[in-house]
Structures are given as C-alpha cells and as structure tokens.
Amino acid sequence: MNYGLMISCRLEELLQAHIRRGNWTQKDEENVYEQAFKQVMEERPEAWAAGNIRVGGYILLSEPPHHSPPLNFDHPE
C-alpha cells in the first residue's frame, strides 16, 4: 500500500505543477493527468497501473478486532 501511495503522491506533485487558468476544462485536466501518469510510469517501470490512481487526501485503515481464545495450560486439548 505504501508503494501505491508513493506513486499516487508523485502523480499529485506533477499535477500541481500545472497552472490552471480560468478557461481550464475537464479535457485539459484529462490531458495533464495522462501526461503526468505517463511520466510516473516511466519513472517507476516496475509499477503496473492503469486508469485513475489518485487516492485523495485521507485513507482510513481499519482492522477488525481479533479475539483469541484464552490459553489453558492446565488442560491441553
């Protein structure tokens, strides 16, 4: 997961480097994304990715509670 986040953060850095003017369109954003994505994949040829790899600002990782049965050393099963 950290590796994927690193790639996504690098993509965000490249996207933020572009100045968006008042007449910026969704097509402009898509073109810049494609260029940035291509650059990131060239920088990291070992990575496999496709589509939109942006993950946003927050990720919540949660694990379910783990319940272990009590150990009973007096009476092995």
PDB file of N, CA and C in Angstrom:
ATOM      1  N   MET A   1       0.826  -1.188   0.000  1.00  0.00           N
ATOM      2  CA  MET A   1       0.000   0.000   0.000  1.00  0.00           C
ATOM      3  C   MET A   1       0.875   1.259   0.000  1.00  0.00           C
ATOM      4  N   ASN A   2       1.952   1.252   0.760  1.00  0.00           N
ATOM      5  CA  ASN A   2       2.820   2.428   0.791  1.00  0.00           C
ATOM      6  C   ASN A   2       3.390   2.737  -0.584  1.00  0.00           C
ATOM      7  N   TYR A   3       3.715   1.695  -1.328  1.00  0.00           N
ATOM      8  CA  TYR A   3       4.261   1.899  -2.662  1.00  0.00           C
ATOM      9  C   TYR A   3       3.223   2.581  -3.557  1.00  0.00           C
ATOM     10  N   GLY A   4       1.985   2.109  -3.498  1.00  0.00           N
ATOM     11  CA  GLY A   4       0.915   2.726  -4.277  1.00  0.00           C
ATOM     12  C   GLY A   4       0.678   4.173  -3.888  1.00  0.00           C
ATOM     13  N   LEU A   5       0.737   4.458  -2.594  1.00  0.00           N
ATOM     14  CA  LEU A   5       0.578   5.831  -2.122  1.00  0.00           C
ATOM     15  C   LEU A   5       1.708   6.719  -2.610  1.00  0.00           C
ATOM     16  N   MET A   6       2.929   6.174  -2.626  1.00  0.00           N
ATOM     17  CA  MET A   6       4.074   6.939  -3.105  1.00  0.00           C
ATOM     18  C   MET A   6       3.869   7.323  -4.576  1.00  0.00           C
ATOM     19  N   ILE A   7       3.395   6.387  -5.372  1.00  0.00           N
ATOM     20  CA  ILE A   7       3.172   6.666  -6.792  1.00  0.00           C
ATOM     21  C   ILE A   7       2.059   7.694  -6.956  1.00  0.00           C
ATOM     22  N   SER A   8       0.992   7.543  -6.187  1.00  0.00           N
ATOM     23  CA  SER A   8      -0.108   8.500  -6.261  1.00  0.00           C
ATOM     24  C   SER A   8       0.347   9.898  -5.836  1.00  0.00           C
ATOM     25  N   CYS A   9       1.160   9.989  -4.790  1.00  0.00           N
ATOM     26  CA  CYS A   9       1.665  11.294  -4.336  1.00  0.00           C
ATOM     27  C   CYS A   9       2.560  11.930  -5.394  1.00  0.00           C
ATOM     28  N   ARG A  10       3.364  11.123  -6.058  1.00  0.00           N
ATOM     29  CA  ARG A  10       4.215  11.654  -7.128  1.00  0.00           C
ATOM     30  C   ARG A  10       3.349  12.197  -8.259  1.00  0.00           C
ATOM     31  N   LEU A  11       2.293  11.501  -8.590  1.00  0.00           N
ATOM     32  CA  LEU A  11       1.365  11.968  -9.611  1.00  0.00           C
ATOM     33  C   LEU A  11       0.759  13.308  -9.205  1.00  0.00           C
ATOM     34  N   GLU A  12       0.363  13.435  -7.955  1.00  0.00           N
ATOM     35  CA  GLU A  12      -0.214  14.684  -7.460  1.00  0.00           C
ATOM     36  C   GLU A  12       0.792  15.832  -7.551  1.00  0.00           C
ATOM     37  N   GLU A  13       2.060  15.550  -7.254  1.00  0.00           N
ATOM     38  CA  GLU A  13       3.096  16.585  -7.374  1.00  0.00           C
ATOM     39  C   GLU A  13       3.171  17.107  -8.803  1.00  0.00           C
ATOM     40  N   LEU A  14       3.151  16.196  -9.760  1.00  0.00           N
ATOM     41  CA  LEU A  14       3.223  16.605 -11.166  1.00  0.00           C
ATOM     42  C   LEU A  14       1.974  17.376 -11.580  1.00  0.00           C
ATOM     43  N   LEU A  15       0.824  16.963 -11.093  1.00  0.00           N
ATOM     44  CA  LEU A  15      -0.422  17.659 -11.444  1.00  0.00           C
ATOM     45  C   LEU A  15      -0.451  19.072 -10.854  1.00  0.00           C
ATOM     46  N   GLN A  16       0.071  19.229  -9.641  1.00  0.00           N
ATOM     47  CA  GLN A  16       0.065  20.542  -9.002  1.00  0.00           C
ATOM     48  C   GLN A  16       1.016  21.519  -9.670  1.00  0.00           C
ATOM     49  N   ALA A  17       1.960  21.006 -10.432  1.00  0.00           N
ATOM     50  CA  ALA A  17       2.924  21.872 -11.111  1.00  0.00           C
ATOM     51  C   ALA A  17       2.289  22.633 -12.284  1.00  0.00           C
ATOM     52  N   HIS A  18       1.120  22.212 -12.721  1.00  0.00           N
ATOM     53  CA  HIS A  18       0.447  22.876 -13.849  1.00  0.00           C
ATOM     54  C   HIS A  18      -0.431  24.016 -13.358  1.00  0.00           C
ATOM     55  N   ILE A  19      -0.322  25.138 -14.028  1.00  0.00           N
ATOM     56  CA  ILE A  19      -1.151  26.300 -13.704  1.00  0.00           C
ATOM     57  C   ILE A  19      -2.476  26.164 -14.442  1.00  0.00           C
ATOM     58  N   ARG A  20      -3.542  26.263 -13.697  1.00  0.00           N
ATOM     59  CA  ARG A  20      -4.880  26.160 -14.283  1.00  0.00           C
ATOM     60  C   ARG A  20      -5.475  27.560 -14.397  1.00  0.00           C
ATOM     61  N   ARG A  21      -5.746  27.950 -15.589  1.00  0.00           N
ATOM     62  CA  ARG A  21      -6.317  29.277 -15.846  1.00  0.00           C
ATOM     63  C   ARG A  21      -7.846  29.207 -15.786  1.00  0.00           C
ATOM     64  N   GLY A  22      -8.477  30.337 -15.958  1.00  0.00           N
ATOM     65  CA  GLY A  22      -9.930  30.431 -15.864  1.00  0.00           C
ATOM     66  C   GLY A  22     -10.680  29.609 -16.896  1.00  0.00           C
ATOM     67  N   ASN A  23     -10.078  29.381 -18.044  1.00  0.00           N
ATOM     68  CA  ASN A  23     -10.771  28.629 -19.085  1.00  0.00           C
ATOM     69  C   ASN A  23     -10.357  27.150 -19.091  1.00  0.00           C
ATOM     70  N   TRP A  24      -9.859  26.651 -17.966  1.00  0.00           N
ATOM     71  CA  TRP A  24      -9.416  25.264 -17.837  1.00  0.00           C
ATOM     72  C   TRP A  24     -10.632  24.346 -17.943  1.00  0.00           C
ATOM     73  N   THR A  25     -10.523  23.319 -18.766  1.00  0.00           N
ATOM     74  CA  THR A  25     -11.643  22.399 -18.979  1.00  0.00           C
ATOM     75  C   THR A  25     -11.319  21.015 -18.428  1.00  0.00           C
ATOM     76  N   GLN A  26     -12.328  20.183 -18.379  1.00  0.00           N
ATOM     77  CA  GLN A  26     -12.139  18.798 -17.956  1.00  0.00           C
ATOM     78  C   GLN A  26     -11.194  18.076 -18.922  1.00  0.00           C
ATOM     79  N   LYS A  27     -11.290  18.401 -20.193  1.00  0.00           N
ATOM     80  CA  LYS A  27     -10.397  17.804 -21.193  1.00  0.00           C
ATOM     81  C   LYS A  27      -8.941  18.208 -20.926  1.00  0.00           C
ATOM     82  N   ASP A  28      -8.729  19.465 -20.549  1.00  0.00           N
ATOM     83  CA  ASP A  28      -7.380  19.913 -20.180  1.00  0.00           C
ATOM     84  C   ASP A  28      -6.855  19.092 -18.995  1.00  0.00           C
ATOM     85  N   GLU A  29      -7.712  18.897 -18.002  1.00  0.00           N
ATOM     86  CA  GLU A  29      -7.328  18.124 -16.814  1.00  0.00           C
ATOM     87  C   GLU A  29      -6.982  16.683 -17.202  1.00  0.00           C
ATOM     88  N   GLU A  30      -7.779  16.097 -18.073  1.00  0.00           N
ATOM     89  CA  GLU A  30      -7.516  14.729 -18.521  1.00  0.00           C
ATOM     90  C   GLU A  30      -6.185  14.635 -19.259  1.00  0.00           C
ATOM     91  N   ASN A  31      -5.887  15.626 -20.107  1.00  0.00           N
ATOM     92  CA  ASN A  31      -4.629  15.624 -20.849  1.00  0.00           C
ATOM     93  C   ASN A  31      -3.424  15.740 -19.916  1.00  0.00           C
ATOM     94  N   VAL A  32      -3.533  16.637 -18.937  1.00  0.00           N
ATOM     95  CA  VAL A  32      -2.440  16.807 -17.974  1.00  0.00           C
ATOM     96  C   VAL A  32      -2.279  15.537 -17.150  1.00  0.00           C
ATOM     97  N   TYR A  33      -3.395  14.928 -16.760  1.00  0.00           N
ATOM     98  CA  TYR A  33      -3.339  13.684 -15.994  1.00  0.00           C
ATOM     99  C   TYR A  33      -2.620  12.601 -16.796  1.00  0.00           C
ATOM    100  N   GLU A  34      -2.984  12.450 -18.058  1.00  0.00           N
ATOM    101  CA  GLU A  34      -2.366  11.426 -18.905  1.00  0.00           C
ATOM    102  C   GLU A  34      -0.857  11.646 -19.025  1.00  0.00           C
ATOM    103  N   GLN A  35      -0.440  12.896 -19.181  1.00  0.00           N
ATOM    104  CA  GLN A  35       0.988  13.196 -19.270  1.00  0.00           C
ATOM    105  C   GLN A  35       1.699  12.875 -17.952  1.00  0.00           C
ATOM    106  N   ALA A  36       1.101  13.277 -16.841  1.00  0.00           N
ATOM    107  CA  ALA A  36       1.701  13.020 -15.531  1.00  0.00           C
ATOM    108  C   ALA A  36       1.748  11.522 -15.246  1.00  0.00           C
ATOM    109  N   PHE A  37       0.678  10.823 -15.576  1.00  0.00           N
ATOM    110  CA  PHE A  37       0.621   9.376 -15.371  1.00  0.00           C
ATOM    111  C   PHE A  37       1.727   8.686 -16.169  1.00  0.00           C
ATOM    112  N   LYS A  38       1.880   9.090 -17.415  1.00  0.00           N
ATOM    113  CA  LYS A  38       2.916   8.514 -18.262  1.00  0.00           C
ATOM    114  C   LYS A  38       4.306   8.764 -17.666  1.00  0.00           C
ATOM    115  N   GLN A  39       4.543   9.972 -17.166  1.00  0.00           N
ATOM    116  CA  GLN A  39       5.834  10.296 -16.568  1.00  0.00           C
ATOM    117  C   GLN A  39       6.103   9.449 -15.330  1.00  0.00           C
ATOM    118  N   VAL A  40       5.095   9.293 -14.479  1.00  0.00           N
ATOM    119  CA  VAL A  40       5.258   8.493 -13.269  1.00  0.00           C
ATOM    120  C   VAL A  40       5.563   7.044 -13.636  1.00  0.00           C
ATOM    121  N   MET A  41       4.879   6.508 -14.630  1.00  0.00           N
ATOM    122  CA  MET A  41       5.113   5.125 -15.032  1.00  0.00           C
ATOM    123  C   MET A  41       6.495   4.951 -15.664  1.00  0.00           C
ATOM    124  N   GLU A  42       6.988   5.989 -16.323  1.00  0.00           N
ATOM    125  CA  GLU A  42       8.349   5.924 -16.869  1.00  0.00           C
ATOM    126  C   GLU A  42       9.390   5.990 -15.749  1.00  0.00           C
ATOM    127  N   GLU A  43       9.088   6.766 -14.702  1.00  0.00           N
ATOM    128  CA  GLU A  43       9.990   6.859 -13.559  1.00  0.00           C
ATOM    129  C   GLU A  43      10.025   5.552 -12.768  1.00  0.00           C
ATOM    130  N   ARG A  44       8.934   4.850 -12.757  1.00  0.00           N
ATOM    131  CA  ARG A  44       8.799   3.598 -11.997  1.00  0.00           C
ATOM    132  C   ARG A  44       8.352   2.469 -12.929  1.00  0.00           C
ATOM    133  N   PRO A  45       9.248   1.980 -13.797  1.00  0.00           N
ATOM    134  CA  PRO A  45       8.847   0.969 -14.778  1.00  0.00           C
ATOM    135  C   PRO A  45       8.415  -0.354 -14.148  1.00  0.00           C
ATOM    136  N   GLU A  46       8.771  -0.583 -12.880  1.00  0.00           N
ATOM    137  CA  GLU A  46       8.358  -1.827 -12.227  1.00  0.00           C
ATOM    138  C   GLU A  46       6.892  -1.788 -11.790  1.00  0.00           C
ATOM    139  N   ALA A  47       6.295  -0.607 -11.793  1.00  0.00           N
ATOM    140  CA  ALA A  47       4.902  -0.462 -11.357  1.00  0.00           C
ATOM    141  C   ALA A  47       3.942  -0.792 -12.493  1.00  0.00           C
ATOM    142  N   TRP A  48       2.853  -1.419 -12.142  1.00  0.00           N
ATOM    143  CA  TRP A  48       1.776  -1.686 -13.093  1.00  0.00           C
ATOM    144  C   TRP A  48       0.574  -0.886 -12.625  1.00  0.00           C
ATOM    145  N   ALA A  49       0.054  -0.057 -13.496  1.00  0.00           N
ATOM    146  CA  ALA A  49      -1.111   0.750 -13.127  1.00  0.00           C
ATOM    147  C   ALA A  49      -1.883   1.108 -14.382  1.00  0.00           C
ATOM    148  N   ALA A  50      -3.140   1.411 -14.193  1.00  0.00           N
ATOM    149  CA  ALA A  50      -3.998   1.853 -15.286  1.00  0.00           C
ATOM    150  C   ALA A  50      -5.129   2.675 -14.697  1.00  0.00           C
ATOM    151  N   GLY A  51      -5.655   3.573 -15.508  1.00  0.00           N
ATOM    152  CA  GLY A  51      -6.803   4.357 -15.071  1.00  0.00           C
ATOM    153  C   GLY A  51      -6.427   5.451 -14.086  1.00  0.00           C
ATOM    154  N   ASN A  52      -7.379   5.765 -13.237  1.00  0.00           N
ATOM    155  CA  ASN A  52      -7.198   6.833 -12.262  1.00  0.00           C
ATOM    156  C   ASN A  52      -6.600   6.241 -10.990  1.00  0.00           C
ATOM    157  N   ILE A  53      -5.387   6.654 -10.661  1.00  0.00           N
ATOM    158  CA  ILE A  53      -4.721   6.117  -9.469  1.00  0.00           C
ATOM    159  C   ILE A  53      -4.690   7.128  -8.329  1.00  0.00           C
ATOM    160  N   ARG A  54      -5.442   8.204  -8.461  1.00  0.00           N
ATOM    161  CA  ARG A  54      -5.490   9.208  -7.397  1.00  0.00           C
ATOM    162  C   ARG A  54      -6.261   8.641  -6.217  1.00  0.00           C
ATOM    163  N   VAL A  55      -5.716   8.826  -5.011  1.00  0.00           N
ATOM    164  CA  VAL A  55      -6.363   8.246  -3.834  1.00  0.00           C
ATOM    165  C   VAL A  55      -6.943   9.277  -2.889  1.00  0.00           C
ATOM    166  N   GLY A  56      -6.695  10.531  -3.089  1.00  0.00           N
ATOM    167  CA  GLY A  56      -7.250  11.547  -2.215  1.00  0.00           C
ATOM    168  C   GLY A  56      -6.366  11.836  -1.023  1.00  0.00           C
ATOM    169  N   GLY A  57      -6.880  12.634  -0.118  1.00  0.00           N
ATOM    170  CA  GLY A  57      -6.085  13.109   0.997  1.00  0.00           C
ATOM    171  C   GLY A  57      -6.084  12.224   2.225  1.00  0.00           C
ATOM    172  N   TYR A  58      -7.099  11.403   2.386  1.00  0.00           N
ATOM    173  CA  TYR A  58      -7.206  10.615   3.605  1.00  0.00           C
ATOM    174  C   TYR A  58      -7.494   9.161   3.265  1.00  0.00           C
ATOM    175  N   ILE A  59      -6.827   8.287   3.983  1.00  0.00           N
ATOM    176  CA  ILE A  59      -7.101   6.857   3.886  1.00  0.00           C
ATOM    177  C   ILE A  59      -7.239   6.347   5.308  1.00  0.00           C
ATOM    178  N   LEU A  60      -8.308   5.661   5.558  1.00  0.00           N
ATOM    179  CA  LEU A  60      -8.535   5.093   6.885  1.00  0.00           C
ATOM    180  C   LEU A  60      -8.339   3.586   6.786  1.00  0.00           C
ATOM    181  N   LEU A  61      -7.370   3.093   7.501  1.00  0.00           N
ATOM    182  CA  LEU A  61      -7.132   1.657   7.567  1.00  0.00           C
ATOM    183  C   LEU A  61      -7.688   1.159   8.879  1.00  0.00           C
ATOM    184  N   SER A  62      -8.481   0.140   8.794  1.00  0.00           N
ATOM    185  CA  SER A  62      -9.115  -0.379   9.988  1.00  0.00           C
ATOM    186  C   SER A  62      -9.015  -1.896   9.981  1.00  0.00           C
ATOM    187  N   GLU A  63      -8.712  -2.464  11.106  1.00  0.00           N
ATOM    188  CA  GLU A  63      -8.679  -3.909  11.246  1.00  0.00           C
ATOM    189  C   GLU A  63      -9.799  -4.320  12.191  1.00  0.00           C
ATOM    190  N   PRO A  64     -10.412  -5.442  11.892  1.00  0.00           N
ATOM    191  CA  PRO A  64     -11.429  -5.921  12.836  1.00  0.00           C
ATOM    192  C   PRO A  64     -10.758  -6.369  14.126  1.00  0.00           C
ATOM    193  N   PRO A  65     -11.479  -6.316  15.199  1.00  0.00           N
ATOM    194  CA  PRO A  65     -10.875  -6.770  16.455  1.00  0.00           C
ATOM    195  C   PRO A  65     -10.562  -8.263  16.377  1.00  0.00           C
ATOM    196  N   HIS A  66      -9.435  -8.631  16.911  1.00  0.00           N
ATOM    197  CA  HIS A  66      -9.033 -10.030  16.923  1.00  0.00           C
ATOM    198  C   HIS A  66      -9.282 -10.595  18.316  1.00  0.00           C
ATOM    199  N   HIS A  67     -10.032 -11.647  18.344  1.00  0.00           N
ATOM    200  CA  HIS A  67     -10.317 -12.296  19.626  1.00  0.00           C
ATOM    201  C   HIS A  67      -9.628 -13.648  19.627  1.00  0.00           C
ATOM    202  N   SER A  68      -8.765 -13.849  20.578  1.00  0.00           N
ATOM    203  CA  SER A  68      -8.082 -15.131  20.726  1.00  0.00           C
ATOM    204  C   SER A  68      -8.688 -15.861  21.905  1.00  0.00           C
ATOM    205  N   PRO A  69      -8.862 -17.154  21.737  1.00  0.00           N
ATOM    206  CA  PRO A  69      -9.382 -17.892  22.898  1.00  0.00           C
ATOM    207  C   PRO A  69      -8.356 -17.871  24.024  1.00  0.00           C
ATOM    208  N   PRO A  70      -8.817 -17.892  25.247  1.00  0.00           N
ATOM    209  CA  PRO A  70      -7.870 -17.880  26.364  1.00  0.00           C
ATOM    210  C   PRO A  70      -7.015 -19.146  26.340  1.00  0.00           C
ATOM    211  N   LEU A  71      -5.774 -18.997  26.709  1.00  0.00           N
ATOM    212  CA  LEU A  71      -4.877 -20.142  26.782  1.00  0.00           C
ATOM    213  C   LEU A  71      -5.110 -20.894  28.078  1.00  0.00           C
ATOM    214  N   ASN A  72      -5.215 -22.200  27.949  1.00  0.00           N
ATOM    215  CA  ASN A  72      -5.415 -23.028  29.136  1.00  0.00           C
ATOM    216  C   ASN A  72      -4.273 -24.037  29.176  1.00  0.00           C
ATOM    217  N   PHE A  73      -3.283 -23.764  29.990  1.00  0.00           N
ATOM    218  CA  PHE A  73      -2.119 -24.639  30.060  1.00  0.00           C
ATOM    219  C   PHE A  73      -2.368 -25.865  30.939  1.00  0.00           C
ATOM    220  N   ASP A  74      -3.401 -25.813  31.764  1.00  0.00           N
ATOM    221  CA  ASP A  74      -3.684 -26.933  32.670  1.00  0.00           C
ATOM    222  C   ASP A  74      -4.376 -28.088  31.955  1.00  0.00           C
ATOM    223  N   HIS A  75      -5.160 -27.787  30.942  1.00  0.00           N
ATOM    224  CA  HIS A  75      -5.934 -28.805  30.256  1.00  0.00           C
ATOM    225  C   HIS A  75      -5.720 -28.719  28.750  1.00  0.00           C
ATOM    226  N   PRO A  76      -4.639 -29.330  28.212  1.00  0.00           N
ATOM    227  CA  PRO A  76      -4.431 -29.279  26.768  1.00  0.00           C
ATOM    228  C   PRO A  76      -5.535 -30.031  26.048  1.00  0.00           C
ATOM    229  N   GLU A  77      -5.877 -29.566  24.910  1.00  0.00           N
ATOM    230  CA  GLU A  77      -6.965 -30.196  24.142  1.00  0.00           C
ATOM    231  C   GLU A  77      -6.466 -31.347  23.332  1.00  0.00           C
TER     232      GLU A  77
END
